[in-house]
Amino acid sequence: MNQSEIKNVLNDKGVNPSKKLGQNFLTDSNVSKWIVDQLLPTADDVVVEVGPGTGALTEHVVGRVRHVILVEFDARLAEYQQQKYEGREDVEVHHCDGARFDTNLLLKYGPVKFLGNLPYSSGGAIMRNFMKKPSHIVRAVLMLQKEFIDRIVSPPRLKSYGVLSLRMQSEWESHPVKTVPPEAFHPRPIIDSTVMVCKPLPLDKFPTYDLRLFDELIRRGFAQRRKQVRKQMPEAPAWEEVAASMGIAETARAEELSVEQWIELTRKYDDHPLKDIAQRPDEVFDVVDENDQVIRQESRATVHAEGLLHRAVHILVFNKYKEVFIQKRSLLKDTYPGAWDSSAAGHVDSGESYTACALRELEEELGIELDEEEIQELAQLSPSENTGWEFVHLYLARWDGQLRYPCSEIETGVWIKLEELEEWVRARPEDFASGFLGCWKAFKEKTNTSNEA
């Protein structure tokens, strides 16, 4: 679309570009096509574009990929896009604030590419919504004001280095690839824009660490950036010990520490007892017969290696919004690393009851302390290859508080609506641990007949 066409659309829809909303519409068609080309679109891709506006980028992506999801905040422009692509099954339009869009809706598509000429006023919030873990974004091509991109890629010891830098550099590899001058937009902004390409960092780039604690510590550190880090950190362990063990000055300030050092700080201040223990190979389980009767005890390693029948529990945790929490298993797990699983799950220890195990797993994996009467046993699953030759008892629990999980066991997690989870399971069962799929099937069967949730 050229500048004349874009102005006609804006006039027709009664849109007077808002400076407050950061509405600057790209009018250079050559630049628009070049930006979309950086997405490396293929016929099998799913692309989500935030802030399509009049469609300067959209027209270069529709028809080149399998599916396009448009998220537009301005009701008049959302209506324009809906009318333009009415009848096309490969395009869906959402009238929504990109910073509040339910990104769980993307999970059923698997890997997704992210495109946007993001508004200057809310670009950071939109990026955080779509790109914080858990995210299925595998490539992003974004245009924002140059100063914002400079903050993302800033090295330590510069004024531009801060929380935004660390959040992005801890999870994404970001490269500015083009500067776009003001004259390429209507209306013209007063500053240059930059196009940036982002890719997820390799999974082994950093050691395992608690994502939420990392975010808490960097926000503390930069809350008063001129103060020394020691004044912002938790009381234990002692800062002097932490600084000495890392070889950094006790007087260091937040902006002097690299992303690697902030991650190491997070590991030092993580006091979760299981932070380095994904599973214990010396665990002893009860081996059972086909009637779930104990016949002897064996180590975890032996039970798994020989496919012996043993016991396990799965727990589905719901909140007041009737959403269920599901976890993404750590890459350190010996089975199904990186797969999505029940809220909490684990093996029954030798001599332990199923219910006692469920209560223990809730506390160890999620930091939830409940009594026996606060959980409900819903179903029992017979051992099979899909359950890992486990007799599984499935429990339900309710929790509306904070969750705290060990990074060695759980990479991240998400609260998700039941209908969204069902769509995801149907579309991509390969994303889930097989034990969860069996539990999810049992949950649906039981709740359909008893209305329990």
Foldseek 3Di string as FASTA:
>chain_A
DAPVVLVVLCVVLVHDDDVLQQDWAFHDLVVLLVLLVVLVFAAAAEEEEEACQQNSNPVNRPPRYQAYEYEHQDPSSLVVVCVVCPPDPRYDGHNDDLLPDDQLLCLLSAAHAYEYAHRQNCPVSNCCSAPQPPHSYFKYKYKYFPLLVCLCCPWFPDPSDALNVLRDVVWKDKDFDDKAAQVSIVPGDPGIMTIMMIGTDPPVPAPFFDPVLLSVLRCQQVVPQVAFSQVRDDPPPHLVVLCVVVVHDSRHGSRRDGSRSSRSVRVRPDPQPCQPPQDDQQFKFFFADQVRHGDDIDTPVVCLVVLTATAKEAEWEAEPVRWTKKFQWDLLHPPNHRAIAHPWMDGAGPPGDHLRRVQVRCCAAWVDHDDSVQKAFQDWDAADVQQSNYTYTYIYHYDDDHTDGHSSTTVGMDTGHPVSVVSSCVSCVVRHRSNRVVVNVSVVVRCVVVVDD
